[in-house]
Amino acid sequence: MNEEEIFIGNILRVTAVNCGSMTLDKGILMTGTSGEITIPTAAYIIEHPRHGLMLFDTGLNYHGADPEEAEIHWGPGMRDAFGCSMARDQAIDRQLEKLGYKIEDVKIVVLSHMHFDHAGGMCHFPNATFVVQKRELRYAWWPDQFSKAVYFYNDYKDTRDYRFIQLEGDVDLFDDDSVRLVTTPGHSPGHQSMILNLKNRGPVLTRRPHEVVH
């Protein structure tokens, strides 16, 4: 998936960027299927007229671009285990720069959940406010034995002092119906999806379908 400006409206401007990909066994995602599937790790860059620049997810961590660095940062064999593939320029910090933004322009980061392919770029935004479901944040810090393989602690171990808004359920983020967050647990305990209300387009769900139904 290339950089693609997918919606332009009077309320929001949204650009989807590809922050790397994973090649996985389909059976991991959808019961009863076989073969491999390659999934892009998208992040959404959102220009809000009143609240500035926002992100929905942050993609893979930049260390994933280098196999040797990934071995140290993620742990032995983890890059290959998840079929991760990315160039350094695909990391969210470089994607923002290519579009003419600065890291410090990002005011709000909404995380659908904190698996490594969505929360990997948190390290770039120490001055932003992060919006995540409380249950997901707690689970990321204390995952169970079954799920801890997809929560890469080193990606977010230095974020404890970041500003977090911890949600407990659905919310109209700005009380103007422009951005709504809806809990969609299943793929992870505190998974949430974002609905953007775009003038001339109506509500748009920004989430990969397999994560909503998984």
N, C-alpha and C. Protein backbone atom coordinates (compact mmCIF):
# COMPACT_ATOMS: atom_id res chain seq x y z
N MET A 1 0.85 -1.19 0.00
CA MET A 1 0.00 0.00 0.00
C MET A 1 0.88 1.23 0.00
N ASN A 2 0.71 2.10 -0.93
CA ASN A 2 1.46 3.33 -0.99
C ASN A 2 0.79 4.38 -0.14
N GLU A 3 1.52 5.50 0.08
CA GLU A 3 0.89 6.62 0.76
C GLU A 3 -0.34 7.01 -0.05
N GLU A 4 -1.42 7.24 0.61
CA GLU A 4 -2.65 7.54 -0.12
C GLU A 4 -3.53 8.45 0.70
N GLU A 5 -3.84 9.59 0.14
CA GLU A 5 -4.80 10.47 0.79
C GLU A 5 -6.18 9.90 0.47
N ILE A 6 -6.87 9.39 1.47
CA ILE A 6 -8.07 8.63 1.18
C ILE A 6 -9.34 9.42 1.32
N PHE A 7 -9.34 10.47 2.15
CA PHE A 7 -10.56 11.26 2.28
C PHE A 7 -10.20 12.73 2.45
N ILE A 8 -10.94 13.59 1.80
CA ILE A 8 -10.82 15.02 2.08
C ILE A 8 -12.22 15.55 2.30
N GLY A 9 -12.46 16.16 3.45
CA GLY A 9 -13.77 16.71 3.73
C GLY A 9 -13.63 18.01 4.48
N ASN A 10 -14.73 18.67 4.76
CA ASN A 10 -14.69 19.93 5.49
C ASN A 10 -14.38 19.72 6.97
N ILE A 11 -14.55 18.50 7.47
CA ILE A 11 -14.32 18.22 8.88
C ILE A 11 -12.89 17.75 9.11
N LEU A 12 -12.43 16.79 8.32
CA LEU A 12 -11.14 16.16 8.53
C LEU A 12 -10.45 15.90 7.21
N ARG A 13 -9.14 15.85 7.28
CA ARG A 13 -8.35 15.33 6.17
C ARG A 13 -7.58 14.13 6.71
N VAL A 14 -7.66 13.01 6.03
CA VAL A 14 -7.06 11.77 6.53
C VAL A 14 -6.13 11.19 5.47
N THR A 15 -4.93 10.84 5.88
CA THR A 15 -3.97 10.21 4.98
C THR A 15 -3.53 8.88 5.59
N ALA A 16 -3.66 7.81 4.84
CA ALA A 16 -3.19 6.50 5.29
C ALA A 16 -1.77 6.28 4.79
N VAL A 17 -0.90 5.81 5.66
CA VAL A 17 0.47 5.51 5.27
C VAL A 17 0.80 4.07 5.67
N ASN A 18 1.66 3.47 4.88
CA ASN A 18 2.08 2.09 5.11
C ASN A 18 3.35 2.09 5.94
N CYS A 19 3.27 1.57 7.15
CA CYS A 19 4.41 1.54 8.06
C CYS A 19 5.03 0.15 8.14
N GLY A 20 5.10 -0.53 7.01
CA GLY A 20 5.66 -1.87 6.96
C GLY A 20 4.58 -2.92 6.79
N SER A 21 4.98 -4.18 6.78
CA SER A 21 4.00 -5.25 6.59
C SER A 21 4.42 -6.50 7.35
N MET A 22 3.47 -7.42 7.47
CA MET A 22 3.72 -8.72 8.07
C MET A 22 3.16 -9.79 7.15
N THR A 23 3.87 -10.88 7.02
CA THR A 23 3.39 -12.04 6.27
C THR A 23 3.17 -13.18 7.25
N LEU A 24 1.91 -13.60 7.37
CA LEU A 24 1.51 -14.54 8.41
C LEU A 24 0.72 -15.71 7.84
N ASP A 25 0.65 -16.76 8.63
CA ASP A 25 -0.27 -17.86 8.34
C ASP A 25 -1.70 -17.34 8.53
N LYS A 26 -2.55 -17.53 7.53
CA LYS A 26 -3.92 -17.05 7.63
C LYS A 26 -4.65 -17.61 8.84
N GLY A 27 -4.29 -18.82 9.23
CA GLY A 27 -4.97 -19.47 10.35
C GLY A 27 -4.81 -18.74 11.67
N ILE A 28 -3.77 -17.91 11.79
CA ILE A 28 -3.58 -17.12 13.01
C ILE A 28 -4.68 -16.09 13.14
N LEU A 29 -5.15 -15.58 12.00
CA LEU A 29 -6.13 -14.50 12.00
C LEU A 29 -7.56 -14.97 11.84
N MET A 30 -7.73 -16.02 11.02
CA MET A 30 -9.08 -16.48 10.71
C MET A 30 -9.14 -17.99 10.80
N THR A 31 -9.92 -18.50 11.73
CA THR A 31 -10.01 -19.93 11.97
C THR A 31 -10.48 -20.67 10.72
N GLY A 32 -9.83 -21.79 10.44
CA GLY A 32 -10.24 -22.63 9.33
C GLY A 32 -9.64 -22.26 8.00
N THR A 33 -8.74 -21.29 7.97
CA THR A 33 -8.11 -20.89 6.72
C THR A 33 -6.68 -21.40 6.68
N SER A 34 -6.10 -21.40 5.49
CA SER A 34 -4.73 -21.87 5.33
C SER A 34 -4.01 -20.96 4.34
N GLY A 35 -2.70 -21.16 4.24
CA GLY A 35 -1.90 -20.32 3.35
C GLY A 35 -1.39 -19.09 4.07
N GLU A 36 -0.72 -18.23 3.33
CA GLU A 36 -0.14 -17.02 3.90
C GLU A 36 -0.90 -15.78 3.45
N ILE A 37 -0.81 -14.75 4.26
CA ILE A 37 -1.41 -13.46 3.92
C ILE A 37 -0.43 -12.36 4.34
N THR A 38 -0.26 -11.37 3.48
CA THR A 38 0.58 -10.22 3.79
C THR A 38 -0.32 -9.05 4.16
N ILE A 39 -0.07 -8.47 5.33
CA ILE A 39 -0.93 -7.42 5.88
C ILE A 39 -0.11 -6.15 6.06
N PRO A 40 -0.53 -5.04 5.47
CA PRO A 40 0.16 -3.77 5.73
C PRO A 40 -0.15 -3.27 7.13
N THR A 41 0.81 -2.61 7.74
CA THR A 41 0.57 -2.01 9.05
C THR A 41 0.33 -0.52 8.84
N ALA A 42 -0.91 -0.17 8.69
CA ALA A 42 -1.28 1.20 8.36
C ALA A 42 -1.35 2.08 9.60
N ALA A 43 -1.00 3.34 9.41
CA ALA A 43 -1.27 4.39 10.39
C ALA A 43 -2.05 5.47 9.65
N TYR A 44 -2.89 6.18 10.37
CA TYR A 44 -3.73 7.22 9.77
C TYR A 44 -3.34 8.58 10.34
N ILE A 45 -3.02 9.50 9.46
CA ILE A 45 -2.65 10.86 9.84
C ILE A 45 -3.87 11.74 9.60
N ILE A 46 -4.35 12.36 10.66
CA ILE A 46 -5.63 13.07 10.62
C ILE A 46 -5.42 14.54 10.95
N GLU A 47 -5.87 15.40 10.06
CA GLU A 47 -5.85 16.84 10.32
C GLU A 47 -7.23 17.26 10.81
N HIS A 48 -7.29 17.69 12.05
CA HIS A 48 -8.55 18.14 12.62
C HIS A 48 -8.53 19.67 12.69
N PRO A 49 -9.59 20.33 12.22
CA PRO A 49 -9.56 21.80 12.14
C PRO A 49 -9.45 22.49 13.49
N ARG A 50 -9.88 21.84 14.57
CA ARG A 50 -9.85 22.49 15.88
C ARG A 50 -8.79 21.90 16.82
N HIS A 51 -8.42 20.65 16.59
CA HIS A 51 -7.54 19.98 17.54
C HIS A 51 -6.19 19.61 16.94
N GLY A 52 -5.93 20.05 15.73
CA GLY A 52 -4.62 19.86 15.14
C GLY A 52 -4.38 18.47 14.59
N LEU A 53 -3.11 18.09 14.55
CA LEU A 53 -2.71 16.83 13.92
C LEU A 53 -2.86 15.67 14.88
N MET A 54 -3.50 14.61 14.40
CA MET A 54 -3.73 13.40 15.19
C MET A 54 -3.21 12.19 14.43
N LEU A 55 -2.95 11.13 15.16
CA LEU A 55 -2.65 9.84 14.55
C LEU A 55 -3.62 8.80 15.07
N PHE A 56 -3.95 7.85 14.21
CA PHE A 56 -4.62 6.64 14.66
C PHE A 56 -3.66 5.50 14.38
N ASP A 57 -3.02 5.00 15.44
CA ASP A 57 -1.99 3.98 15.40
C ASP A 57 -0.66 4.55 14.90
N THR A 58 0.42 3.79 15.16
CA THR A 58 1.76 4.29 14.87
C THR A 58 2.63 3.30 14.10
N GLY A 59 2.08 2.13 13.74
CA GLY A 59 2.82 1.18 12.92
C GLY A 59 3.93 0.46 13.67
N LEU A 60 4.79 -0.17 12.90
CA LEU A 60 5.91 -0.93 13.45
C LEU A 60 7.01 0.00 13.96
N ASN A 61 7.77 -0.47 14.93
CA ASN A 61 8.91 0.27 15.43
C ASN A 61 10.01 0.33 14.37
N TYR A 62 10.71 1.45 14.33
CA TYR A 62 11.74 1.65 13.29
C TYR A 62 12.87 0.64 13.37
N HIS A 63 13.10 0.04 14.53
CA HIS A 63 14.15 -0.98 14.64
C HIS A 63 13.84 -2.19 13.75
N GLY A 64 12.57 -2.37 13.41
CA GLY A 64 12.20 -3.50 12.57
C GLY A 64 12.76 -3.43 11.16
N ALA A 65 13.27 -2.27 10.76
CA ALA A 65 13.83 -2.12 9.41
C ALA A 65 15.18 -2.80 9.27
N ASP A 66 15.85 -3.02 10.37
CA ASP A 66 17.18 -3.61 10.35
C ASP A 66 17.14 -4.95 11.08
N PRO A 67 17.41 -6.05 10.39
CA PRO A 67 17.31 -7.37 11.03
C PRO A 67 18.16 -7.50 12.30
N GLU A 68 19.35 -6.93 12.30
CA GLU A 68 20.21 -7.04 13.48
C GLU A 68 19.66 -6.21 14.64
N GLU A 69 19.20 -5.00 14.35
CA GLU A 69 18.61 -4.18 15.41
C GLU A 69 17.33 -4.83 15.95
N ALA A 70 16.56 -5.43 15.06
CA ALA A 70 15.31 -6.08 15.48
C ALA A 70 15.58 -7.24 16.42
N GLU A 71 16.66 -7.97 16.19
CA GLU A 71 17.02 -9.08 17.06
C GLU A 71 17.26 -8.60 18.49
N ILE A 72 17.86 -7.42 18.61
CA ILE A 72 18.15 -6.86 19.93
C ILE A 72 16.90 -6.25 20.55
N HIS A 73 16.18 -5.46 19.75
CA HIS A 73 15.06 -4.69 20.28
C HIS A 73 13.83 -5.56 20.54
N TRP A 74 13.50 -6.43 19.59
CA TRP A 74 12.30 -7.27 19.72
C TRP A 74 12.58 -8.63 20.35
N GLY A 75 13.82 -9.08 20.22
CA GLY A 75 14.17 -10.40 20.72
C GLY A 75 14.50 -11.34 19.58
N PRO A 76 15.30 -12.36 19.86
CA PRO A 76 15.74 -13.29 18.82
C PRO A 76 14.58 -13.95 18.08
N GLY A 77 14.62 -13.86 16.76
CA GLY A 77 13.66 -14.56 15.92
C GLY A 77 12.30 -13.92 15.77
N MET A 78 12.02 -12.83 16.50
CA MET A 78 10.67 -12.26 16.47
C MET A 78 10.34 -11.60 15.14
N ARG A 79 11.30 -10.95 14.53
CA ARG A 79 11.06 -10.31 13.23
C ARG A 79 10.64 -11.34 12.20
N ASP A 80 11.37 -12.44 12.15
CA ASP A 80 11.06 -13.50 11.19
C ASP A 80 9.77 -14.23 11.55
N ALA A 81 9.53 -14.41 12.84
CA ALA A 81 8.33 -15.14 13.27
C ALA A 81 7.05 -14.48 12.78
N PHE A 82 7.06 -13.15 12.71
CA PHE A 82 5.88 -12.42 12.26
C PHE A 82 6.00 -11.94 10.81
N GLY A 83 7.05 -12.37 10.13
CA GLY A 83 7.22 -12.00 8.73
C GLY A 83 7.28 -10.51 8.50
N CYS A 84 7.93 -9.79 9.42
CA CYS A 84 7.97 -8.32 9.32
C CYS A 84 8.89 -7.87 8.20
N SER A 85 8.43 -6.89 7.47
CA SER A 85 9.21 -6.31 6.39
C SER A 85 8.95 -4.81 6.35
N MET A 86 10.01 -4.02 6.41
CA MET A 86 9.84 -2.57 6.33
C MET A 86 11.17 -1.92 5.99
N ALA A 87 11.09 -0.75 5.39
CA ALA A 87 12.25 0.11 5.19
C ALA A 87 12.22 1.19 6.27
N ARG A 88 13.38 1.74 6.58
CA ARG A 88 13.42 2.78 7.62
C ARG A 88 12.50 3.95 7.28
N ASP A 89 12.39 4.28 6.01
CA ASP A 89 11.54 5.41 5.59
C ASP A 89 10.05 5.13 5.76
N GLN A 90 9.69 3.88 6.06
CA GLN A 90 8.28 3.56 6.28
C GLN A 90 7.83 3.80 7.72
N ALA A 91 8.77 3.98 8.63
CA ALA A 91 8.39 4.24 10.02
C ALA A 91 7.64 5.56 10.11
N ILE A 92 6.79 5.69 11.11
CA ILE A 92 5.84 6.80 11.16
C ILE A 92 6.53 8.16 11.22
N ASP A 93 7.70 8.26 11.86
CA ASP A 93 8.38 9.56 11.91
C ASP A 93 8.78 10.03 10.52
N ARG A 94 9.30 9.12 9.71
CA ARG A 94 9.69 9.47 8.34
C ARG A 94 8.47 9.72 7.46
N GLN A 95 7.41 8.98 7.69
CA GLN A 95 6.19 9.18 6.90
C GLN A 95 5.64 10.59 7.13
N LEU A 96 5.67 11.04 8.36
CA LEU A 96 5.22 12.40 8.66
C LEU A 96 6.10 13.43 7.97
N GLU A 97 7.41 13.22 8.02
CA GLU A 97 8.33 14.15 7.39
C GLU A 97 8.11 14.23 5.89
N LYS A 98 7.86 13.09 5.26
CA LYS A 98 7.63 13.08 3.81
C LYS A 98 6.40 13.88 3.42
N LEU A 99 5.45 13.98 4.33
CA LEU A 99 4.23 14.73 4.06
C LEU A 99 4.31 16.18 4.53
N GLY A 100 5.49 16.57 5.01
CA GLY A 100 5.69 17.96 5.38
C GLY A 100 5.37 18.31 6.82
N TYR A 101 5.14 17.29 7.66
CA TYR A 101 4.85 17.52 9.07
C TYR A 101 6.11 17.37 9.91
N LYS A 102 6.06 17.88 11.12
CA LYS A 102 7.09 17.67 12.11
C LYS A 102 6.54 16.76 13.21
N ILE A 103 7.44 16.04 13.86
CA ILE A 103 7.02 15.15 14.94
C ILE A 103 6.21 15.91 15.99
N GLU A 104 6.68 17.10 16.32
CA GLU A 104 6.02 17.87 17.38
C GLU A 104 4.66 18.42 16.95
N ASP A 105 4.33 18.31 15.67
CA ASP A 105 3.00 18.73 15.21
C ASP A 105 1.90 17.80 15.72
N VAL A 106 2.27 16.57 16.04
CA VAL A 106 1.29 15.58 16.47
C VAL A 106 0.86 15.86 17.91
N LYS A 107 -0.41 16.17 18.08
CA LYS A 107 -0.93 16.53 19.40
C LYS A 107 -1.60 15.36 20.11
N ILE A 108 -2.24 14.49 19.33
CA ILE A 108 -3.02 13.38 19.90
C ILE A 108 -2.69 12.10 19.13
N VAL A 109 -2.47 11.02 19.85
CA VAL A 109 -2.28 9.70 19.24
C VAL A 109 -3.33 8.76 19.83
N VAL A 110 -4.21 8.27 18.99
CA VAL A 110 -5.20 7.28 19.41
C VAL A 110 -4.68 5.90 19.02
N LEU A 111 -4.67 4.99 19.95
CA LEU A 111 -4.22 3.62 19.67
C LEU A 111 -5.42 2.69 19.62
N SER A 112 -5.54 1.95 18.53
CA SER A 112 -6.60 0.94 18.47
C SER A 112 -6.35 -0.13 19.53
N HIS A 113 -5.08 -0.51 19.66
CA HIS A 113 -4.64 -1.43 20.71
C HIS A 113 -3.12 -1.35 20.72
N MET A 114 -2.48 -2.17 21.53
CA MET A 114 -1.05 -2.00 21.74
C MET A 114 -0.21 -3.18 21.28
N HIS A 115 -0.72 -3.96 20.33
CA HIS A 115 0.13 -4.95 19.68
C HIS A 115 1.26 -4.22 18.96
N PHE A 116 2.36 -4.93 18.72
CA PHE A 116 3.57 -4.29 18.22
C PHE A 116 3.42 -3.62 16.86
N ASP A 117 2.48 -4.08 16.04
CA ASP A 117 2.32 -3.50 14.71
C ASP A 117 1.45 -2.25 14.72
N HIS A 118 0.96 -1.87 15.88
CA HIS A 118 0.13 -0.67 16.02
C HIS A 118 0.74 0.36 16.97
N ALA A 119 1.45 -0.11 17.97
CA ALA A 119 2.01 0.79 18.99
C ALA A 119 3.52 0.95 18.87
N GLY A 120 4.11 0.43 17.82
CA GLY A 120 5.57 0.44 17.70
C GLY A 120 6.19 1.81 17.61
N GLY A 121 5.44 2.80 17.14
CA GLY A 121 6.00 4.13 16.96
C GLY A 121 5.72 5.09 18.09
N MET A 122 5.24 4.61 19.22
CA MET A 122 4.93 5.49 20.35
C MET A 122 6.14 6.32 20.79
N CYS A 123 7.32 5.76 20.64
CA CYS A 123 8.53 6.41 21.12
C CYS A 123 8.79 7.77 20.49
N HIS A 124 8.21 8.02 19.33
CA HIS A 124 8.47 9.28 18.62
C HIS A 124 7.66 10.46 19.16
N PHE A 125 6.70 10.21 20.05
CA PHE A 125 5.75 11.26 20.41
C PHE A 125 5.63 11.48 21.92
N PRO A 126 6.73 11.81 22.59
CA PRO A 126 6.68 11.99 24.04
C PRO A 126 5.84 13.18 24.49
N ASN A 127 5.58 14.12 23.58
CA ASN A 127 4.82 15.31 23.96
C ASN A 127 3.36 15.26 23.55
N ALA A 128 2.96 14.17 22.93
CA ALA A 128 1.56 14.01 22.51
C ALA A 128 0.73 13.44 23.66
N THR A 129 -0.58 13.53 23.51
CA THR A 129 -1.51 12.88 24.43
C THR A 129 -2.00 11.60 23.78
N PHE A 130 -1.87 10.48 24.48
CA PHE A 130 -2.28 9.18 23.96
C PHE A 130 -3.67 8.82 24.48
N VAL A 131 -4.48 8.31 23.59
CA VAL A 131 -5.85 7.92 23.94
C VAL A 131 -5.98 6.42 23.71
N VAL A 132 -6.25 5.68 24.78
CA VAL A 132 -6.31 4.23 24.70
C VAL A 132 -7.33 3.73 25.72
N GLN A 133 -7.90 2.59 25.46
CA GLN A 133 -8.79 2.00 26.45
C GLN A 133 -7.98 1.56 27.67
N LYS A 134 -8.50 1.85 28.84
CA LYS A 134 -7.81 1.54 30.10
C LYS A 134 -7.46 0.06 30.18
N ARG A 135 -8.39 -0.78 29.77
CA ARG A 135 -8.17 -2.23 29.84
C ARG A 135 -7.00 -2.64 28.96
N GLU A 136 -6.87 -2.01 27.79
CA GLU A 136 -5.79 -2.34 26.88
C GLU A 136 -4.44 -1.90 27.44
N LEU A 137 -4.40 -0.73 28.02
CA LEU A 137 -3.14 -0.23 28.57
C LEU A 137 -2.66 -1.13 29.70
N ARG A 138 -3.55 -1.52 30.58
CA ARG A 138 -3.18 -2.41 31.68
C ARG A 138 -2.72 -3.76 31.14
N TYR A 139 -3.40 -4.25 30.11
CA TYR A 139 -3.06 -5.55 29.55
C TYR A 139 -1.70 -5.51 28.86
N ALA A 140 -1.37 -4.38 28.24
CA ALA A 140 -0.07 -4.25 27.59
C ALA A 140 1.08 -4.31 28.60
N TRP A 141 0.86 -3.73 29.76
CA TRP A 141 1.89 -3.77 30.79
C TRP A 141 1.94 -5.12 31.50
N TRP A 142 0.81 -5.80 31.59
CA TRP A 142 0.76 -7.10 32.28
C TRP A 142 0.00 -8.13 31.44
N PRO A 143 0.54 -8.51 30.28
CA PRO A 143 -0.16 -9.47 29.43
C PRO A 143 -0.09 -10.88 30.01
N ASP A 144 -1.03 -11.73 29.59
CA ASP A 144 -0.97 -13.11 30.04
C ASP A 144 0.04 -13.88 29.19
N GLN A 145 0.30 -15.11 29.57
CA GLN A 145 1.31 -15.91 28.89
C GLN A 145 0.97 -16.15 27.42
N PHE A 146 -0.32 -16.29 27.13
CA PHE A 146 -0.74 -16.59 25.77
C PHE A 146 -0.53 -15.40 24.83
N SER A 147 -0.80 -14.20 25.31
CA SER A 147 -0.82 -13.02 24.45
C SER A 147 0.44 -12.18 24.48
N LYS A 148 1.34 -12.44 25.40
CA LYS A 148 2.47 -11.53 25.56
C LYS A 148 3.39 -11.50 24.34
N ALA A 149 3.30 -12.51 23.47
CA ALA A 149 4.17 -12.54 22.29
C ALA A 149 3.91 -11.39 21.34
N VAL A 150 2.70 -10.80 21.37
CA VAL A 150 2.38 -9.72 20.43
C VAL A 150 2.43 -8.34 21.09
N TYR A 151 2.77 -8.31 22.39
CA TYR A 151 3.00 -7.04 23.08
C TYR A 151 4.51 -6.91 23.27
N PHE A 152 5.14 -6.08 22.47
CA PHE A 152 6.60 -5.95 22.50
C PHE A 152 6.98 -4.86 23.51
N TYR A 153 7.33 -5.29 24.69
CA TYR A 153 7.58 -4.39 25.82
C TYR A 153 8.58 -3.28 25.48
N ASN A 154 9.63 -3.63 24.76
CA ASN A 154 10.66 -2.63 24.46
C ASN A 154 10.13 -1.48 23.60
N ASP A 155 9.04 -1.70 22.88
CA ASP A 155 8.47 -0.64 22.06
C ASP A 155 7.88 0.48 22.90
N TYR A 156 7.42 0.16 24.11
CA TYR A 156 6.73 1.19 24.90
C TYR A 156 7.20 1.26 26.36
N LYS A 157 8.32 0.63 26.66
CA LYS A 157 8.80 0.59 28.05
C LYS A 157 9.14 1.97 28.61
N ASP A 158 9.43 2.94 27.74
CA ASP A 158 9.80 4.28 28.20
C ASP A 158 8.63 5.26 28.15
N THR A 159 7.41 4.75 28.05
CA THR A 159 6.26 5.65 27.89
C THR A 159 5.44 5.83 29.17
N ARG A 160 5.90 5.33 30.28
CA ARG A 160 5.09 5.40 31.51
C ARG A 160 4.79 6.84 31.92
N ASP A 161 5.67 7.76 31.57
CA ASP A 161 5.46 9.16 31.94
C ASP A 161 4.77 9.95 30.83
N TYR A 162 4.36 9.29 29.77
CA TYR A 162 3.59 9.97 28.73
C TYR A 162 2.22 10.35 29.28
N ARG A 163 1.57 11.28 28.59
CA ARG A 163 0.21 11.65 28.97
C ARG A 163 -0.77 10.67 28.33
N PHE A 164 -1.56 10.01 29.15
CA PHE A 164 -2.55 9.05 28.66
C PHE A 164 -3.95 9.47 29.09
N ILE A 165 -4.87 9.40 28.16
CA ILE A 165 -6.29 9.43 28.49
C ILE A 165 -6.77 7.99 28.42
N GLN A 166 -7.17 7.44 29.56
CA GLN A 166 -7.58 6.04 29.62
C GLN A 166 -9.11 5.97 29.58
N LEU A 167 -9.62 5.44 28.50
CA LEU A 167 -11.06 5.37 28.29
C LEU A 167 -11.62 4.08 28.89
N GLU A 168 -12.90 4.13 29.20
CA GLU A 168 -13.62 2.94 29.65
C GLU A 168 -14.93 2.86 28.86
N GLY A 169 -14.80 2.50 27.59
CA GLY A 169 -15.98 2.38 26.75
C GLY A 169 -15.97 3.36 25.60
N ASP A 170 -17.11 3.45 24.92
CA ASP A 170 -17.25 4.30 23.74
C ASP A 170 -17.23 5.77 24.14
N VAL A 171 -16.74 6.62 23.21
CA VAL A 171 -16.68 8.04 23.51
C VAL A 171 -16.73 8.86 22.22
N ASP A 172 -17.40 10.01 22.31
CA ASP A 172 -17.32 11.04 21.27
C ASP A 172 -16.14 11.92 21.70
N LEU A 173 -15.01 11.75 21.03
CA LEU A 173 -13.74 12.26 21.56
C LEU A 173 -13.75 13.77 21.79
N PHE A 174 -14.35 14.52 20.89
CA PHE A 174 -14.36 15.97 21.01
C PHE A 174 -15.76 16.55 21.23
N ASP A 175 -16.71 15.67 21.51
CA ASP A 175 -18.10 16.09 21.74
C ASP A 175 -18.69 16.87 20.57
N ASP A 176 -18.24 16.53 19.35
CA ASP A 176 -18.79 17.21 18.17
C ASP A 176 -19.12 16.23 17.05
N ASP A 177 -19.05 14.93 17.36
CA ASP A 177 -19.36 13.85 16.42
C ASP A 177 -18.34 13.73 15.28
N SER A 178 -17.21 14.41 15.37
CA SER A 178 -16.22 14.31 14.31
C SER A 178 -15.37 13.05 14.45
N VAL A 179 -15.08 12.66 15.69
CA VAL A 179 -14.26 11.47 15.95
C VAL A 179 -14.91 10.68 17.08
N ARG A 180 -15.35 9.48 16.76
CA ARG A 180 -15.93 8.61 17.78
C ARG A 180 -15.07 7.36 17.92
N LEU A 181 -14.87 6.94 19.15
CA LEU A 181 -14.13 5.72 19.44
C LEU A 181 -15.09 4.69 20.00
N VAL A 182 -15.05 3.51 19.42
CA VAL A 182 -16.00 2.45 19.75
C VAL A 182 -15.23 1.21 20.18
N THR A 183 -15.56 0.65 21.32
CA THR A 183 -14.87 -0.55 21.77
C THR A 183 -15.23 -1.74 20.88
N THR A 184 -14.20 -2.44 20.44
CA THR A 184 -14.38 -3.63 19.59
C THR A 184 -13.45 -4.74 20.08
N PRO A 185 -13.62 -5.20 21.32
CA PRO A 185 -12.72 -6.20 21.88
C PRO A 185 -12.84 -7.54 21.16
N GLY A 186 -11.79 -8.32 21.30
CA GLY A 186 -11.74 -9.63 20.66
C GLY A 186 -10.35 -9.88 20.14
N HIS A 187 -9.91 -9.04 19.22
CA HIS A 187 -8.54 -9.14 18.73
C HIS A 187 -7.56 -8.86 19.87
N SER A 188 -7.93 -7.96 20.74
CA SER A 188 -7.22 -7.72 21.99
C SER A 188 -8.26 -7.30 23.03
N PRO A 189 -7.96 -7.39 24.31
CA PRO A 189 -8.97 -7.11 25.34
C PRO A 189 -9.54 -5.70 25.30
N GLY A 190 -8.70 -4.72 24.94
CA GLY A 190 -9.16 -3.34 24.93
C GLY A 190 -9.13 -2.70 23.56
N HIS A 191 -9.38 -3.49 22.54
CA HIS A 191 -9.36 -2.98 21.16
C HIS A 191 -10.46 -1.94 20.97
N GLN A 192 -10.13 -0.87 20.24
CA GLN A 192 -11.13 0.12 19.88
C GLN A 192 -10.97 0.50 18.41
N SER A 193 -12.07 0.90 17.81
CA SER A 193 -12.08 1.36 16.43
C SER A 193 -12.45 2.83 16.40
N MET A 194 -12.06 3.50 15.33
CA MET A 194 -12.35 4.93 15.18
C MET A 194 -13.33 5.14 14.04
N ILE A 195 -14.34 5.95 14.31
CA ILE A 195 -15.29 6.35 13.28
C ILE A 195 -15.13 7.84 13.04
N LEU A 196 -14.77 8.19 11.81
CA LEU A 196 -14.61 9.59 11.43
C LEU A 196 -15.86 10.03 10.69
N ASN A 197 -16.44 11.10 11.12
CA ASN A 197 -17.65 11.62 10.48
C ASN A 197 -17.24 12.70 9.48
N LEU A 198 -17.12 12.30 8.23
CA LEU A 198 -16.62 13.18 7.20
C LEU A 198 -17.76 13.78 6.39
N LYS A 199 -17.79 15.07 6.32
CA LYS A 199 -18.82 15.74 5.55
C LYS A 199 -18.70 15.31 4.10
N ASN A 200 -19.83 15.07 3.47
CA ASN A 200 -19.93 14.60 2.09
C ASN A 200 -19.57 13.12 1.93
N ARG A 201 -19.15 12.46 3.03
CA ARG A 201 -18.86 11.03 2.96
C ARG A 201 -19.62 10.26 4.03
N GLY A 202 -19.96 10.91 5.13
CA GLY A 202 -20.62 10.22 6.23
C GLY A 202 -19.61 9.50 7.10
N PRO A 203 -20.08 8.63 8.01
CA PRO A 203 -19.18 7.93 8.93
C PRO A 203 -18.28 6.95 8.20
N VAL A 204 -17.01 6.93 8.58
CA VAL A 204 -16.02 6.03 7.98
C VAL A 204 -15.29 5.32 9.11
N LEU A 205 -15.24 3.99 9.03
CA LEU A 205 -14.56 3.18 10.03
C LEU A 205 -13.11 3.00 9.62
N THR A 206 -12.19 3.40 10.48
CA THR A 206 -10.76 3.24 10.18
C THR A 206 -10.21 2.08 10.99
N ARG A 207 -10.38 0.88 10.46
CA ARG A 207 -9.84 -0.30 11.12
C ARG A 207 -9.75 -1.43 10.11
N ARG A 208 -8.75 -2.30 10.27
CA ARG A 208 -8.63 -3.45 9.39
C ARG A 208 -9.74 -4.43 9.73
N PRO A 209 -10.51 -4.89 8.74
CA PRO A 209 -11.69 -5.72 9.02
C PRO A 209 -11.41 -6.96 9.85
N HIS A 210 -10.28 -7.63 9.62
CA HIS A 210 -10.04 -8.89 10.35
C HIS A 210 -9.90 -8.64 11.84
N GLU A 211 -9.51 -7.41 12.24
CA GLU A 211 -9.35 -7.13 13.66
C GLU A 211 -10.69 -6.88 14.33
N VAL A 212 -11.65 -6.38 13.58
CA VAL A 212 -12.97 -6.14 14.15
C VAL A 212 -13.71 -7.45 14.36
N VAL A 213 -13.56 -8.38 13.43
CA VAL A 213 -14.33 -9.61 13.50
C VAL A 213 -13.55 -10.75 14.15
N HIS A 214 -12.26 -10.59 14.31
CA HIS A 214 -11.39 -11.66 14.81
C HIS A 214 -11.81 -12.10 16.22
